Structure formats: C-alpha cells, structure tokens
C-alpha cells in the first residue's frame, strides 16, 4: 500500500508554505497521484525530492582553522 501525503502534509513536513509545494507541483518537480479531485504525493517521492536539495557542508580549510584558533587565543588574552 502506498504511503500518501496531501500537499498540506508535505508542506508541513518540509517546513515550507502550501503555495511553495503547489508551485513545485506545477513545475513537475515530483510525481503526484490524483484520486478524483485530490492530489497526493507518495511519501517516498517527497522524501527523495527533499533529499535532492541537500547540500553537504564543505570541509573547513586548514588556514581557516588556524585563523579561528588564533582569534580564540587573542580573545582569551583580553
């Protein structure tokens, strides 16, 4: 059995407005299931869509770490 979300539920889970989810739907960013007048999103498809926007944190360059440490030492010296 499919685990389906309404557009409103998807908006709540994604912490975005219903208008944003509707816009994404019209842009065909994720597949939908229509049951009569109801428009539903398969939970797995929604989660895949959300994960596709995940941006991994970049590693901190060594110089930035050194600068942060130097700044911390300078603040301690006050």
PDB file of N, CA and C in Angstrom:
ATOM      1  N   UNK A   1       0.848  -1.191   0.000  1.00  0.00           N
ATOM      2  CA  UNK A   1       0.000   0.000   0.000  1.00  0.00           C
ATOM      3  C   UNK A   1       0.880   1.235   0.000  1.00  0.00           C
ATOM      4  N   UNK A   2       0.532   2.208  -0.803  1.00  0.00           N
ATOM      5  CA  UNK A   2       1.291   3.441  -0.878  1.00  0.00           C
ATOM      6  C   UNK A   2       1.045   4.304   0.353  1.00  0.00           C
ATOM      7  N   UNK A   3       2.102   4.951   0.808  1.00  0.00           N
ATOM      8  CA  UNK A   3       2.003   5.905   1.904  1.00  0.00           C
ATOM      9  C   UNK A   3       1.921   7.285   1.267  1.00  0.00           C
ATOM     10  N   UNK A   4       0.730   7.881   1.269  1.00  0.00           N
ATOM     11  CA  UNK A   4       0.494   9.119   0.539  1.00  0.00           C
ATOM     12  C   UNK A   4       0.357  10.311   1.476  1.00  0.00           C
ATOM     13  N   UNK A   5       0.827  11.470   0.997  1.00  0.00           N
ATOM     14  CA  UNK A   5       0.710  12.730   1.725  1.00  0.00           C
ATOM     15  C   UNK A   5      -0.141  13.695   0.919  1.00  0.00           C
ATOM     16  N   UNK A   6      -0.942  14.485   1.605  1.00  0.00           N
ATOM     17  CA  UNK A   6      -1.611  15.585   0.910  1.00  0.00           C
ATOM     18  C   UNK A   6      -0.576  16.684   0.699  1.00  0.00           C
ATOM     19  N   UNK A   7      -0.886  17.641  -0.140  1.00  0.00           N
ATOM     20  CA  UNK A   7       0.038  18.754  -0.360  1.00  0.00           C
ATOM     21  C   UNK A   7       0.258  19.525   0.945  1.00  0.00           C
ATOM     22  N   UNK A   8      -0.778  19.649   1.752  1.00  0.00           N
ATOM     23  CA  UNK A   8      -0.672  20.347   3.029  1.00  0.00           C
ATOM     24  C   UNK A   8       0.276  19.610   3.982  1.00  0.00           C
ATOM     25  N   UNK A   9       0.154  18.283   4.025  1.00  0.00           N
ATOM     26  CA  UNK A   9       1.043  17.491   4.882  1.00  0.00           C
ATOM     27  C   UNK A   9       2.490  17.593   4.418  1.00  0.00           C
ATOM     28  N   UNK A  10       2.695  17.576   3.114  1.00  0.00           N
ATOM     29  CA  UNK A  10       4.051  17.710   2.570  1.00  0.00           C
ATOM     30  C   UNK A  10       4.626  19.072   2.940  1.00  0.00           C
ATOM     31  N   UNK A  11       3.811  20.113   2.869  1.00  0.00           N
ATOM     32  CA  UNK A  11       4.274  21.462   3.233  1.00  0.00           C
ATOM     33  C   UNK A  11       4.684  21.509   4.700  1.00  0.00           C
ATOM     34  N   UNK A  12       3.891  20.891   5.558  1.00  0.00           N
ATOM     35  CA  UNK A  12       4.226  20.863   6.989  1.00  0.00           C
ATOM     36  C   UNK A  12       5.518  20.102   7.226  1.00  0.00           C
ATOM     37  N   UNK A  13       5.663  18.946   6.593  1.00  0.00           N
ATOM     38  CA  UNK A  13       6.875  18.145   6.780  1.00  0.00           C
ATOM     39  C   UNK A  13       8.107  18.865   6.244  1.00  0.00           C
ATOM     40  N   UNK A  14       7.948  19.563   5.128  1.00  0.00           N
ATOM     41  CA  UNK A  14       9.071  20.261   4.510  1.00  0.00           C
ATOM     42  C   UNK A  14       9.318  21.643   5.089  1.00  0.00           C
ATOM     43  N   UNK A  15       8.423  22.069   6.000  1.00  0.00           N
ATOM     44  CA  UNK A  15       8.522  23.395   6.621  1.00  0.00           C
ATOM     45  C   UNK A  15       8.563  24.506   5.566  1.00  0.00           C
ATOM     46  N   UNK A  16       7.684  24.370   4.572  1.00  0.00           N
ATOM     47  CA  UNK A  16       7.520  25.385   3.540  1.00  0.00           C
ATOM     48  C   UNK A  16       6.025  25.674   3.418  1.00  0.00           C
ATOM     49  N   UNK A  17       5.692  26.737   2.722  1.00  0.00           N
ATOM     50  CA  UNK A  17       4.279  27.085   2.587  1.00  0.00           C
ATOM     51  C   UNK A  17       3.592  26.165   1.575  1.00  0.00           C
ATOM     52  N   UNK A  18       2.288  26.085   1.703  1.00  0.00           N
ATOM     53  CA  UNK A  18       1.499  25.286   0.771  1.00  0.00           C
ATOM     54  C   UNK A  18       1.637  25.847  -0.645  1.00  0.00           C
ATOM     55  N   UNK A  19       1.812  27.169  -0.740  1.00  0.00           N
ATOM     56  CA  UNK A  19       1.967  27.798  -2.054  1.00  0.00           C
ATOM     57  C   UNK A  19       3.255  27.336  -2.740  1.00  0.00           C
ATOM     58  N   UNK A  20       4.306  27.127  -1.954  1.00  0.00           N
ATOM     59  CA  UNK A  20       5.571  26.637  -2.494  1.00  0.00           C
ATOM     60  C   UNK A  20       5.400  25.220  -3.027  1.00  0.00           C
ATOM     61  N   UNK A  21       4.726  24.371  -2.256  1.00  0.00           N
ATOM     62  CA  UNK A  21       4.508  22.981  -2.690  1.00  0.00           C
ATOM     63  C   UNK A  21       3.654  22.961  -3.952  1.00  0.00           C
ATOM     64  N   UNK A  22       2.637  23.813  -3.999  1.00  0.00           N
ATOM     65  CA  UNK A  22       1.800  23.868  -5.208  1.00  0.00           C
ATOM     66  C   UNK A  22       2.601  24.325  -6.419  1.00  0.00           C
ATOM     67  N   UNK A  23       3.476  25.316  -6.222  1.00  0.00           N
ATOM     68  CA  UNK A  23       4.320  25.792  -7.324  1.00  0.00           C
ATOM     69  C   UNK A  23       5.235  24.680  -7.808  1.00  0.00           C
ATOM     70  N   UNK A  24       5.852  23.949  -6.877  1.00  0.00           N
ATOM     71  CA  UNK A  24       6.723  22.837  -7.250  1.00  0.00           C
ATOM     72  C   UNK A  24       5.941  21.778  -8.008  1.00  0.00           C
ATOM     73  N   UNK A  25       4.701  21.550  -7.578  1.00  0.00           N
ATOM     74  CA  UNK A  25       3.865  20.557  -8.269  1.00  0.00           C
ATOM     75  C   UNK A  25       3.626  20.980  -9.714  1.00  0.00           C
ATOM     76  N   UNK A  26       3.297  22.236  -9.914  1.00  0.00           N
ATOM     77  CA  UNK A  26       3.035  22.720 -11.271  1.00  0.00           C
ATOM     78  C   UNK A  26       4.307  22.728 -12.123  1.00  0.00           C
ATOM     79  N   UNK A  27       5.464  22.805 -11.466  1.00  0.00           N
ATOM     80  CA  UNK A  27       6.752  22.723 -12.170  1.00  0.00           C
ATOM     81  C   UNK A  27       7.167  21.271 -12.397  1.00  0.00           C
ATOM     82  N   UNK A  28       6.340  20.345 -11.903  1.00  0.00           N
ATOM     83  CA  UNK A  28       6.568  18.897 -12.053  1.00  0.00           C
ATOM     84  C   UNK A  28       7.898  18.456 -11.437  1.00  0.00           C
ATOM     85  N   UNK A  29       8.177  18.972 -10.260  1.00  0.00           N
ATOM     86  CA  UNK A  29       9.424  18.612  -9.579  1.00  0.00           C
ATOM     87  C   UNK A  29       9.337  17.255  -8.894  1.00  0.00           C
ATOM     88  N   UNK A  30       8.135  16.765  -8.665  1.00  0.00           N
ATOM     89  CA  UNK A  30       7.929  15.436  -8.074  1.00  0.00           C
ATOM     90  C   UNK A  30       6.638  14.867  -8.646  1.00  0.00           C
ATOM     91  N   UNK A  31       6.540  13.537  -8.686  1.00  0.00           N
ATOM     92  CA  UNK A  31       5.320  12.918  -9.212  1.00  0.00           C
ATOM     93  C   UNK A  31       4.174  13.020  -8.207  1.00  0.00           C
ATOM     94  N   UNK A  32       2.964  13.078  -8.719  1.00  0.00           N
ATOM     95  CA  UNK A  32       1.779  13.115  -7.858  1.00  0.00           C
ATOM     96  C   UNK A  32       0.824  12.003  -8.251  1.00  0.00           C
ATOM     97  N   UNK A  33      -0.082  11.703  -7.330  1.00  0.00           N
ATOM     98  CA  UNK A  33      -1.139  10.724  -7.555  1.00  0.00           C
ATOM     99  C   UNK A  33      -2.452  11.485  -7.452  1.00  0.00           C
ATOM    100  N   UNK A  34      -3.309  11.351  -8.444  1.00  0.00           N
ATOM    101  CA  UNK A  34      -4.610  12.015  -8.399  1.00  0.00           C
ATOM    102  C   UNK A  34      -5.686  10.975  -8.119  1.00  0.00           C
ATOM    103  N   UNK A  35      -6.450  11.225  -7.083  1.00  0.00           N
ATOM    104  CA  UNK A  35      -7.600  10.392  -6.736  1.00  0.00           C
ATOM    105  C   UNK A  35      -8.814  11.304  -6.759  1.00  0.00           C
ATOM    106  N   UNK A  36      -9.540  11.261  -7.858  1.00  0.00           N
ATOM    107  CA  UNK A  36     -10.642  12.205  -8.019  1.00  0.00           C
ATOM    108  C   UNK A  36     -10.074  13.613  -8.088  1.00  0.00           C
ATOM    109  N   UNK A  37     -10.518  14.465  -7.178  1.00  0.00           N
ATOM    110  CA  UNK A  37     -10.019  15.837  -7.131  1.00  0.00           C
ATOM    111  C   UNK A  37      -8.803  15.980  -6.225  1.00  0.00           C
ATOM    112  N   UNK A  38      -8.524  14.954  -5.455  1.00  0.00           N
ATOM    113  CA  UNK A  38      -7.406  15.025  -4.509  1.00  0.00           C
ATOM    114  C   UNK A  38      -6.081  14.812  -5.219  1.00  0.00           C
ATOM    115  N   UNK A  39      -5.102  15.627  -4.837  1.00  0.00           N
ATOM    116  CA  UNK A  39      -3.742  15.497  -5.360  1.00  0.00           C
ATOM    117  C   UNK A  39      -2.874  15.063  -4.192  1.00  0.00           C
ATOM    118  N   UNK A  40      -2.219  13.918  -4.336  1.00  0.00           N
ATOM    119  CA  UNK A  40      -1.413  13.355  -3.259  1.00  0.00           C
ATOM    120  C   UNK A  40       0.009  13.093  -3.751  1.00  0.00           C
ATOM    121  N   UNK A  41       0.925  13.044  -2.798  1.00  0.00           N
ATOM    122  CA  UNK A  41       2.326  12.778  -3.111  1.00  0.00           C
ATOM    123  C   UNK A  41       2.729  11.513  -2.372  1.00  0.00           C
ATOM    124  N   UNK A  42       3.381  10.617  -3.066  1.00  0.00           N
ATOM    125  CA  UNK A  42       3.893   9.420  -2.415  1.00  0.00           C
ATOM    126  C   UNK A  42       5.025   9.845  -1.481  1.00  0.00           C
ATOM    127  N   UNK A  43       4.965   9.400  -0.214  1.00  0.00           N
ATOM    128  CA  UNK A  43       5.940   9.829   0.798  1.00  0.00           C
ATOM    129  C   UNK A  43       7.377   9.603   0.331  1.00  0.00           C
ATOM    130  N   UNK A  44       7.650   8.466  -0.282  1.00  0.00           N
ATOM    131  CA  UNK A  44       9.000   8.146  -0.740  1.00  0.00           C
ATOM    132  C   UNK A  44       9.471   9.152  -1.799  1.00  0.00           C
ATOM    133  N   UNK A  45       8.574   9.535  -2.707  1.00  0.00           N
ATOM    134  CA  UNK A  45       8.924  10.515  -3.742  1.00  0.00           C
ATOM    135  C   UNK A  45       9.190  11.878  -3.121  1.00  0.00           C
ATOM    136  N   UNK A  46       8.381  12.254  -2.116  1.00  0.00           N
ATOM    137  CA  UNK A  46       8.578  13.536  -1.429  1.00  0.00           C
ATOM    138  C   UNK A  46       9.922  13.552  -0.702  1.00  0.00           C
ATOM    139  N   UNK A  47      10.234  12.477   0.015  1.00  0.00           N
ATOM    140  CA  UNK A  47      11.498  12.414   0.752  1.00  0.00           C
ATOM    141  C   UNK A  47      12.687  12.442  -0.208  1.00  0.00           C
ATOM    142  N   UNK A  48      12.566  11.774  -1.345  1.00  0.00           N
ATOM    143  CA  UNK A  48      13.629  11.801  -2.348  1.00  0.00           C
ATOM    144  C   UNK A  48      13.814  13.216  -2.883  1.00  0.00           C
ATOM    145  N   UNK A  49      12.714  13.914  -3.143  1.00  0.00           N
ATOM    146  CA  UNK A  49      12.773  15.295  -3.621  1.00  0.00           C
ATOM    147  C   UNK A  49      13.456  16.192  -2.594  1.00  0.00           C
ATOM    148  N   UNK A  50      13.099  16.042  -1.329  1.00  0.00           N
ATOM    149  CA  UNK A  50      13.696  16.864  -0.269  1.00  0.00           C
ATOM    150  C   UNK A  50      15.189  16.563  -0.160  1.00  0.00           C
ATOM    151  N   UNK A  51      15.561  15.283  -0.197  1.00  0.00           N
ATOM    152  CA  UNK A  51      16.979  14.908  -0.111  1.00  0.00           C
ATOM    153  C   UNK A  51      17.778  15.437  -1.302  1.00  0.00           C
ATOM    154  N   UNK A  52      17.133  15.572  -2.454  1.00  0.00           N
ATOM    155  CA  UNK A  52      17.852  16.043  -3.643  1.00  0.00           C
ATOM    156  C   UNK A  52      18.335  17.478  -3.471  1.00  0.00           C
ATOM    157  N   UNK A  53      17.742  18.207  -2.543  1.00  0.00           N
ATOM    158  CA  UNK A  53      18.166  19.583  -2.292  1.00  0.00           C
ATOM    159  C   UNK A  53      19.188  19.693  -1.185  1.00  0.00           C
ATOM    160  N   UNK A  54      19.596  18.559  -0.634  1.00  0.00           N
ATOM    161  CA  UNK A  54      20.558  18.554   0.465  1.00  0.00           C
ATOM    162  C   UNK A  54      21.922  19.012  -0.026  1.00  0.00           C
ATOM    163  N   UNK A  55      22.496  19.957   0.688  1.00  0.00           N
ATOM    164  CA  UNK A  55      23.824  20.466   0.350  1.00  0.00           C
ATOM    165  C   UNK A  55      24.762  20.061   1.481  1.00  0.00           C
ATOM    166  N   UNK A  56      25.778  19.299   1.135  1.00  0.00           N
ATOM    167  CA  UNK A  56      26.739  18.851   2.132  1.00  0.00           C
ATOM    168  C   UNK A  56      27.635  20.017   2.554  1.00  0.00           C
ATOM    169  N   UNK A  57      27.988  20.046   3.812  1.00  0.00           N
ATOM    170  CA  UNK A  57      28.891  21.075   4.317  1.00  0.00           C
ATOM    171  C   UNK A  57      30.285  20.846   3.743  1.00  0.00           C
ATOM    172  N   UNK A  58      30.909  21.923   3.346  1.00  0.00           N
ATOM    173  CA  UNK A  58      32.263  21.831   2.799  1.00  0.00           C
ATOM    174  C   UNK A  58      33.258  21.726   3.943  1.00  0.00           C
ATOM    175  N   UNK A  59      34.338  20.983   3.768  1.00  0.00           N
ATOM    176  CA  UNK A  59      35.342  20.904   4.827  1.00  0.00           C
ATOM    177  C   UNK A  59      35.999  22.273   5.027  1.00  0.00           C
ATOM    178  N   UNK A  60      36.343  22.553   6.262  1.00  0.00           N
ATOM    179  CA  UNK A  60      36.971  23.831   6.591  1.00  0.00           C
ATOM    180  C   UNK A  60      38.441  23.769   6.195  1.00  0.00           C
ATOM    181  N   UNK A  61      38.905  24.727   5.406  1.00  0.00           N
ATOM    182  CA  UNK A  61      40.316  24.732   5.022  1.00  0.00           C
ATOM    183  C   UNK A  61      41.219  24.911   6.234  1.00  0.00           C
ATOM    184  N   UNK A  62      42.433  24.393   6.153  1.00  0.00           N
ATOM    185  CA  UNK A  62      43.370  24.450   7.275  1.00  0.00           C
ATOM    186  C   UNK A  62      43.634  25.886   7.701  1.00  0.00           C
ATOM    187  N   UNK A  63      43.748  26.796   6.757  1.00  0.00           N
ATOM    188  CA  UNK A  63      44.016  28.199   7.100  1.00  0.00           C
ATOM    189  C   UNK A  63      42.870  28.797   7.903  1.00  0.00           C
ATOM    190  N   UNK A  64      41.667  28.444   7.576  1.00  0.00           N
ATOM    191  CA  UNK A  64      40.520  28.959   8.317  1.00  0.00           C
ATOM    192  C   UNK A  64      40.546  28.439   9.750  1.00  0.00           C
ATOM    193  N   UNK A  65      40.916  27.174   9.928  1.00  0.00           N
ATOM    194  CA  UNK A  65      41.027  26.616  11.275  1.00  0.00           C
ATOM    195  C   UNK A  65      42.107  27.343  12.059  1.00  0.00           C
ATOM    196  N   UNK A  66      43.233  27.630  11.406  1.00  0.00           N
ATOM    197  CA  UNK A  66      44.319  28.348  12.079  1.00  0.00           C
ATOM    198  C   UNK A  66      43.874  29.750  12.455  1.00  0.00           C
ATOM    199  N   UNK A  67      43.161  30.415  11.574  1.00  0.00           N
ATOM    200  CA  UNK A  67      42.687  31.771  11.859  1.00  0.00           C
ATOM    201  C   UNK A  67      41.696  31.755  13.011  1.00  0.00           C
ATOM    202  N   UNK A  68      40.824  30.759  13.054  1.00  0.00           N
ATOM    203  CA  UNK A  68      39.859  30.645  14.141  1.00  0.00           C
ATOM    204  C   UNK A  68      40.568  30.413  15.463  1.00  0.00           C
ATOM    205  N   UNK A  69      41.570  29.553  15.460  1.00  0.00           N
ATOM    206  CA  UNK A  69      42.333  29.286  16.684  1.00  0.00           C
ATOM    207  C   UNK A  69      43.070  30.533  17.146  1.00  0.00           C
ATOM    208  N   UNK A  70      43.666  31.276  16.217  1.00  0.00           N
ATOM    209  CA  UNK A  70      44.376  32.499  16.565  1.00  0.00           C
ATOM    210  C   UNK A  70      43.413  33.525  17.151  1.00  0.00           C
ATOM    211  N   UNK A  71      42.225  33.643  16.587  1.00  0.00           N
ATOM    212  CA  UNK A  71      41.232  34.573  17.097  1.00  0.00           C
ATOM    213  C   UNK A  71      40.799  34.181  18.500  1.00  0.00           C
ATOM    214  N   UNK A  72      40.613  32.883  18.738  1.00  0.00           N
ATOM    215  CA  UNK A  72      40.225  32.407  20.072  1.00  0.00           C
ATOM    216  C   UNK A  72      41.319  32.717  21.085  1.00  0.00           C
ATOM    217  N   UNK A  73      42.595  32.519  20.702  1.00  0.00           N
ATOM    218  CA  UNK A  73      43.709  32.829  21.607  1.00  0.00           C
ATOM    219  C   UNK A  73      43.752  34.321  21.908  1.00  0.00           C
ATOM    220  N   UNK A  74      43.520  35.142  20.915  1.00  0.00           N
ATOM    221  CA  UNK A  74      43.539  36.604  21.104  1.00  0.00           C
ATOM    222  C   UNK A  74      42.425  37.029  22.033  1.00  0.00           C
ATOM    223  N   UNK A  75      41.269  36.418  21.933  1.00  0.00           N
ATOM    224  CA  UNK A  75      40.140  36.778  22.811  1.00  0.00           C
ATOM    225  C   UNK A  75      40.425  36.357  24.246  1.00  0.00           C
ATOM    226  N   UNK A  76      41.099  35.228  24.423  1.00  0.00           N
ATOM    227  CA  UNK A  76      41.442  34.758  25.772  1.00  0.00           C
ATOM    228  C   UNK A  76      42.441  35.690  26.449  1.00  0.00           C
ATOM    229  N   UNK A  77      43.285  36.341  25.659  1.00  0.00           N
ATOM    230  CA  UNK A  77      44.313  37.223  26.185  1.00  0.00           C
ATOM    231  C   UNK A  77      43.768  38.550  26.692  1.00  0.00           C
ATOM    232  N   UNK A  78      42.532  38.856  26.427  1.00  0.00           N
ATOM    233  CA  UNK A  78      41.954  40.139  26.866  1.00  0.00           C
ATOM    234  C   UNK A  78      41.844  40.224  28.347  1.00  0.00           C
TER     235      UNK A  78
END
